[in-house]
Amino acid sequence: MEEIPLDFMDVKELYRCYMPFLKQGGLFVRTARTYKMGQSLALNVTLPDALEAILVTGKVAWITPHGAQNACPAGVGVAFIDDKKHLSEQIAKLVAGLQASHEITYTL
């Protein structure tokens, strides 16, 4: 299973990538690489101001190809499957203040 490092420097970028509408949460991964729907991936996520990365496994649930009409960056949405360290809950707490904002996200 491929492991992808994701380092979030600020909460706004984390908010743009977070996918709370998925059952166990998920993240959008900006990438030029091509992945298939349902492909298993491991994300090694470092949250803003965190000292250690959190490993979570998931499956590709969303694909934004190069040149998408909505001008979103190319990448894939990864739905969390194995979130033993409760990454989704940690992200939800960090982005809670932005939920009512009109910030554009890379997802829905």
N, C-alpha and C. Protein backbone atom coordinates (compact mmCIF):
# COMPACT_ATOMS: atom_id res chain seq x y z
N MET A 1 0.84 -1.17 0.00
CA MET A 1 0.00 0.00 0.00
C MET A 1 0.90 1.24 0.00
N GLU A 2 0.60 2.15 -0.89
CA GLU A 2 1.40 3.38 -0.99
C GLU A 2 1.11 4.30 0.20
N GLU A 3 2.17 4.91 0.73
CA GLU A 3 2.03 5.86 1.84
C GLU A 3 2.31 7.26 1.31
N ILE A 4 1.41 8.19 1.61
CA ILE A 4 1.53 9.57 1.16
C ILE A 4 1.70 10.48 2.36
N PRO A 5 2.78 11.25 2.41
CA PRO A 5 2.93 12.22 3.50
C PRO A 5 2.11 13.48 3.22
N LEU A 6 1.39 13.95 4.23
CA LEU A 6 0.61 15.18 4.12
C LEU A 6 0.96 16.08 5.29
N ASP A 7 1.56 17.21 5.01
CA ASP A 7 1.93 18.16 6.06
C ASP A 7 1.07 19.41 5.92
N PHE A 8 0.22 19.64 6.89
CA PHE A 8 -0.64 20.82 6.88
C PHE A 8 0.00 21.90 7.74
N MET A 9 0.32 23.02 7.12
CA MET A 9 0.98 24.12 7.82
C MET A 9 -0.02 25.05 8.49
N ASP A 10 -1.24 25.12 7.93
CA ASP A 10 -2.23 26.00 8.55
C ASP A 10 -3.61 25.36 8.51
N VAL A 11 -4.49 25.86 9.37
CA VAL A 11 -5.83 25.30 9.53
C VAL A 11 -6.69 25.54 8.29
N LYS A 12 -6.49 26.66 7.59
CA LYS A 12 -7.30 26.93 6.40
C LYS A 12 -7.07 25.90 5.31
N GLU A 13 -5.82 25.48 5.10
CA GLU A 13 -5.55 24.46 4.10
C GLU A 13 -6.14 23.11 4.54
N LEU A 14 -6.06 22.83 5.82
CA LEU A 14 -6.67 21.60 6.35
C LEU A 14 -8.18 21.62 6.10
N TYR A 15 -8.82 22.75 6.36
CA TYR A 15 -10.26 22.91 6.12
C TYR A 15 -10.59 22.66 4.65
N ARG A 16 -9.78 23.20 3.74
CA ARG A 16 -10.03 23.03 2.30
C ARG A 16 -9.97 21.56 1.88
N CYS A 17 -9.19 20.77 2.61
CA CYS A 17 -8.99 19.36 2.25
C CYS A 17 -9.88 18.38 3.02
N TYR A 18 -10.44 18.81 4.14
CA TYR A 18 -11.20 17.91 5.00
C TYR A 18 -12.54 17.54 4.36
N MET A 19 -12.92 16.27 4.47
CA MET A 19 -14.18 15.78 3.91
C MET A 19 -15.04 15.19 5.03
N PRO A 20 -15.74 16.04 5.79
CA PRO A 20 -16.55 15.55 6.91
C PRO A 20 -17.80 14.80 6.48
N PHE A 21 -18.20 14.95 5.22
CA PHE A 21 -19.41 14.30 4.73
C PHE A 21 -19.23 12.80 4.50
N LEU A 22 -17.99 12.31 4.57
CA LEU A 22 -17.75 10.86 4.48
C LEU A 22 -17.97 10.24 5.84
N LYS A 23 -18.46 9.03 5.87
CA LYS A 23 -18.85 8.37 7.12
C LYS A 23 -17.79 8.47 8.22
N GLN A 24 -16.55 8.16 7.92
CA GLN A 24 -15.49 8.21 8.92
C GLN A 24 -14.54 9.38 8.68
N GLY A 25 -14.95 10.30 7.81
CA GLY A 25 -14.10 11.44 7.47
C GLY A 25 -13.14 11.08 6.35
N GLY A 26 -12.41 12.08 5.90
CA GLY A 26 -11.44 11.86 4.83
C GLY A 26 -10.72 13.15 4.50
N LEU A 27 -9.74 13.05 3.63
CA LEU A 27 -8.94 14.19 3.21
C LEU A 27 -8.74 14.19 1.71
N PHE A 28 -8.73 15.37 1.14
CA PHE A 28 -8.38 15.54 -0.26
C PHE A 28 -6.86 15.67 -0.34
N VAL A 29 -6.26 14.93 -1.24
CA VAL A 29 -4.81 14.92 -1.42
C VAL A 29 -4.50 15.54 -2.77
N ARG A 30 -3.84 16.70 -2.76
CA ARG A 30 -3.41 17.33 -4.01
C ARG A 30 -2.27 16.50 -4.59
N THR A 31 -2.47 16.03 -5.82
CA THR A 31 -1.44 15.21 -6.45
C THR A 31 -1.62 15.18 -7.96
N ALA A 32 -0.52 15.06 -8.66
CA ALA A 32 -0.56 14.90 -10.11
C ALA A 32 -0.61 13.42 -10.48
N ARG A 33 -0.40 12.55 -9.50
CA ARG A 33 -0.42 11.11 -9.77
C ARG A 33 -1.84 10.64 -10.04
N THR A 34 -1.94 9.56 -10.76
CA THR A 34 -3.24 8.97 -11.08
C THR A 34 -3.52 7.80 -10.16
N TYR A 35 -4.69 7.81 -9.56
CA TYR A 35 -5.14 6.71 -8.70
C TYR A 35 -6.51 6.26 -9.18
N LYS A 36 -6.90 5.06 -8.77
CA LYS A 36 -8.19 4.50 -9.17
C LYS A 36 -9.16 4.56 -8.01
N MET A 37 -10.44 4.66 -8.34
CA MET A 37 -11.48 4.63 -7.32
C MET A 37 -11.35 3.32 -6.53
N GLY A 38 -11.42 3.42 -5.20
CA GLY A 38 -11.34 2.25 -4.35
C GLY A 38 -9.92 1.82 -4.01
N GLN A 39 -8.92 2.46 -4.62
CA GLN A 39 -7.53 2.10 -4.34
C GLN A 39 -7.18 2.41 -2.88
N SER A 40 -6.50 1.49 -2.22
CA SER A 40 -6.09 1.67 -0.83
C SER A 40 -4.83 2.53 -0.75
N LEU A 41 -4.84 3.48 0.19
CA LEU A 41 -3.69 4.34 0.42
C LEU A 41 -3.51 4.54 1.92
N ALA A 42 -2.30 4.82 2.32
CA ALA A 42 -2.02 5.19 3.71
C ALA A 42 -1.60 6.65 3.70
N LEU A 43 -2.20 7.44 4.58
CA LEU A 43 -1.85 8.85 4.69
C LEU A 43 -1.08 9.07 5.98
N ASN A 44 0.05 9.71 5.87
CA ASN A 44 0.87 10.04 7.04
C ASN A 44 0.69 11.54 7.26
N VAL A 45 -0.27 11.91 8.12
CA VAL A 45 -0.76 13.28 8.24
C VAL A 45 -0.13 14.01 9.43
N THR A 46 0.43 15.17 9.14
CA THR A 46 0.92 16.05 10.20
C THR A 46 0.00 17.26 10.24
N LEU A 47 -0.68 17.43 11.37
CA LEU A 47 -1.60 18.54 11.55
C LEU A 47 -0.83 19.81 11.92
N PRO A 48 -1.46 20.98 11.73
CA PRO A 48 -0.77 22.23 12.09
C PRO A 48 -0.32 22.20 13.55
N ASP A 49 0.89 22.61 13.80
CA ASP A 49 1.49 22.69 15.14
C ASP A 49 1.67 21.33 15.84
N ALA A 50 1.52 20.22 15.09
CA ALA A 50 1.71 18.89 15.69
C ALA A 50 3.18 18.50 15.62
N LEU A 51 3.60 17.72 16.58
CA LEU A 51 4.98 17.25 16.62
C LEU A 51 5.17 15.94 15.89
N GLU A 52 4.11 15.15 15.82
CA GLU A 52 4.20 13.83 15.18
C GLU A 52 3.10 13.66 14.14
N ALA A 53 3.40 12.88 13.13
CA ALA A 53 2.41 12.55 12.11
C ALA A 53 1.50 11.43 12.60
N ILE A 54 0.31 11.37 12.03
CA ILE A 54 -0.66 10.32 12.35
C ILE A 54 -0.89 9.51 11.09
N LEU A 55 -0.77 8.21 11.20
CA LEU A 55 -0.99 7.32 10.05
C LEU A 55 -2.44 6.85 10.04
N VAL A 56 -3.08 7.00 8.90
CA VAL A 56 -4.45 6.54 8.72
C VAL A 56 -4.54 5.88 7.35
N THR A 57 -5.30 4.81 7.26
CA THR A 57 -5.48 4.15 5.97
C THR A 57 -6.86 4.49 5.42
N GLY A 58 -6.96 4.45 4.11
CA GLY A 58 -8.22 4.77 3.48
C GLY A 58 -8.27 4.28 2.05
N LYS A 59 -9.37 4.67 1.39
CA LYS A 59 -9.57 4.29 -0.01
C LYS A 59 -9.98 5.52 -0.80
N VAL A 60 -9.55 5.55 -2.06
CA VAL A 60 -9.89 6.66 -2.93
C VAL A 60 -11.40 6.68 -3.17
N ALA A 61 -12.04 7.81 -2.80
CA ALA A 61 -13.48 7.94 -2.92
C ALA A 61 -13.86 9.12 -3.83
N TRP A 62 -12.86 9.86 -4.29
CA TRP A 62 -13.11 11.09 -5.04
C TRP A 62 -11.91 11.34 -5.93
N ILE A 63 -12.14 11.72 -7.15
CA ILE A 63 -11.04 12.04 -8.06
C ILE A 63 -11.34 13.38 -8.74
N THR A 64 -10.39 14.29 -8.67
CA THR A 64 -10.47 15.54 -9.42
C THR A 64 -9.33 15.50 -10.43
N PRO A 65 -9.66 15.35 -11.70
CA PRO A 65 -8.61 15.25 -12.73
C PRO A 65 -8.00 16.62 -13.05
N HIS A 66 -6.87 16.60 -13.73
CA HIS A 66 -6.26 17.84 -14.22
C HIS A 66 -7.26 18.54 -15.13
N GLY A 67 -7.34 19.85 -15.02
CA GLY A 67 -8.21 20.62 -15.90
C GLY A 67 -9.67 20.57 -15.53
N ALA A 68 -10.00 20.25 -14.29
CA ALA A 68 -11.40 20.20 -13.87
C ALA A 68 -12.04 21.56 -14.08
N GLN A 69 -13.31 21.59 -14.45
CA GLN A 69 -14.01 22.83 -14.79
C GLN A 69 -14.11 23.80 -13.62
N ASN A 70 -14.11 23.29 -12.40
CA ASN A 70 -14.27 24.17 -11.25
C ASN A 70 -12.95 24.78 -10.79
N ALA A 71 -11.89 24.58 -11.54
CA ALA A 71 -10.55 25.12 -11.24
C ALA A 71 -9.95 24.59 -9.94
N CYS A 72 -10.48 23.51 -9.43
CA CYS A 72 -9.88 22.87 -8.25
C CYS A 72 -8.60 22.17 -8.66
N PRO A 73 -7.66 22.04 -7.74
CA PRO A 73 -6.43 21.34 -8.08
C PRO A 73 -6.68 19.85 -8.31
N ALA A 74 -5.83 19.25 -9.10
CA ALA A 74 -5.92 17.81 -9.35
C ALA A 74 -5.61 17.06 -8.05
N GLY A 75 -6.27 15.94 -7.86
CA GLY A 75 -6.00 15.12 -6.68
C GLY A 75 -7.08 14.09 -6.44
N VAL A 76 -7.00 13.49 -5.26
CA VAL A 76 -7.95 12.46 -4.88
C VAL A 76 -8.46 12.68 -3.46
N GLY A 77 -9.69 12.31 -3.24
CA GLY A 77 -10.27 12.32 -1.91
C GLY A 77 -10.12 10.92 -1.33
N VAL A 78 -9.55 10.83 -0.14
CA VAL A 78 -9.33 9.54 0.50
C VAL A 78 -10.25 9.42 1.71
N ALA A 79 -11.15 8.44 1.66
CA ALA A 79 -12.06 8.17 2.77
C ALA A 79 -11.33 7.33 3.81
N PHE A 80 -11.36 7.77 5.06
CA PHE A 80 -10.69 7.02 6.12
C PHE A 80 -11.37 5.68 6.35
N ILE A 81 -10.55 4.65 6.48
CA ILE A 81 -11.05 3.30 6.76
C ILE A 81 -10.60 2.88 8.16
N ASP A 82 -9.32 3.06 8.43
CA ASP A 82 -8.75 2.65 9.72
C ASP A 82 -8.18 3.89 10.41
N ASP A 83 -8.97 4.47 11.30
CA ASP A 83 -8.63 5.72 11.97
C ASP A 83 -8.50 5.48 13.48
N LYS A 84 -7.55 4.64 13.85
CA LYS A 84 -7.38 4.24 15.25
C LYS A 84 -7.01 5.41 16.17
N LYS A 85 -6.35 6.43 15.61
CA LYS A 85 -5.93 7.57 16.44
C LYS A 85 -6.91 8.73 16.37
N HIS A 86 -8.10 8.47 15.81
CA HIS A 86 -9.18 9.45 15.76
C HIS A 86 -8.76 10.75 15.07
N LEU A 87 -8.09 10.62 13.95
CA LEU A 87 -7.65 11.77 13.18
C LEU A 87 -8.83 12.63 12.76
N SER A 88 -9.92 12.02 12.31
CA SER A 88 -11.08 12.77 11.86
C SER A 88 -11.61 13.68 12.97
N GLU A 89 -11.67 13.18 14.19
CA GLU A 89 -12.14 13.99 15.32
C GLU A 89 -11.18 15.14 15.60
N GLN A 90 -9.90 14.88 15.50
CA GLN A 90 -8.91 15.94 15.72
C GLN A 90 -9.03 17.04 14.68
N ILE A 91 -9.23 16.63 13.43
CA ILE A 91 -9.39 17.61 12.36
C ILE A 91 -10.67 18.43 12.58
N ALA A 92 -11.76 17.75 12.91
CA ALA A 92 -13.04 18.43 13.14
C ALA A 92 -12.90 19.52 14.20
N LYS A 93 -12.16 19.24 15.25
CA LYS A 93 -11.95 20.24 16.30
C LYS A 93 -11.14 21.42 15.79
N LEU A 94 -10.11 21.13 14.99
CA LEU A 94 -9.26 22.20 14.47
C LEU A 94 -9.99 23.13 13.49
N VAL A 95 -10.88 22.57 12.69
CA VAL A 95 -11.56 23.38 11.66
C VAL A 95 -12.94 23.85 12.09
N ALA A 96 -13.34 23.58 13.31
CA ALA A 96 -14.68 23.91 13.78
C ALA A 96 -15.03 25.38 13.55
N GLY A 97 -14.10 26.28 13.77
CA GLY A 97 -14.37 27.70 13.58
C GLY A 97 -14.56 28.11 12.14
N LEU A 98 -14.20 27.28 11.21
CA LEU A 98 -14.32 27.61 9.79
C LEU A 98 -15.54 26.98 9.13
N GLN A 99 -16.25 26.12 9.84
CA GLN A 99 -17.38 25.39 9.25
C GLN A 99 -18.46 26.31 8.69
N ALA A 100 -18.69 27.47 9.30
CA ALA A 100 -19.73 28.38 8.83
C ALA A 100 -19.17 29.42 7.85
N SER A 101 -17.91 29.34 7.55
CA SER A 101 -17.30 30.33 6.65
C SER A 101 -17.65 30.04 5.20
N HIS A 102 -17.32 30.96 4.36
CA HIS A 102 -17.56 30.79 2.92
C HIS A 102 -16.27 30.48 2.19
N GLU A 103 -15.29 29.97 2.93
CA GLU A 103 -14.00 29.56 2.33
C GLU A 103 -14.28 28.47 1.31
N ILE A 104 -13.66 28.57 0.17
CA ILE A 104 -13.81 27.55 -0.87
C ILE A 104 -12.99 26.33 -0.47
N THR A 105 -13.56 25.14 -0.69
CA THR A 105 -12.85 23.90 -0.39
C THR A 105 -12.54 23.19 -1.70
N TYR A 106 -11.75 22.14 -1.61
CA TYR A 106 -11.40 21.34 -2.78
C TYR A 106 -12.42 20.23 -3.00
N THR A 107 -13.43 20.17 -2.14
CA THR A 107 -14.43 19.10 -2.20
C THR A 107 -15.80 19.73 -2.43
N LEU A 108 -16.82 19.19 -1.80
CA LEU A 108 -18.20 19.71 -1.96
C LEU A 108 -18.42 20.97 -1.19
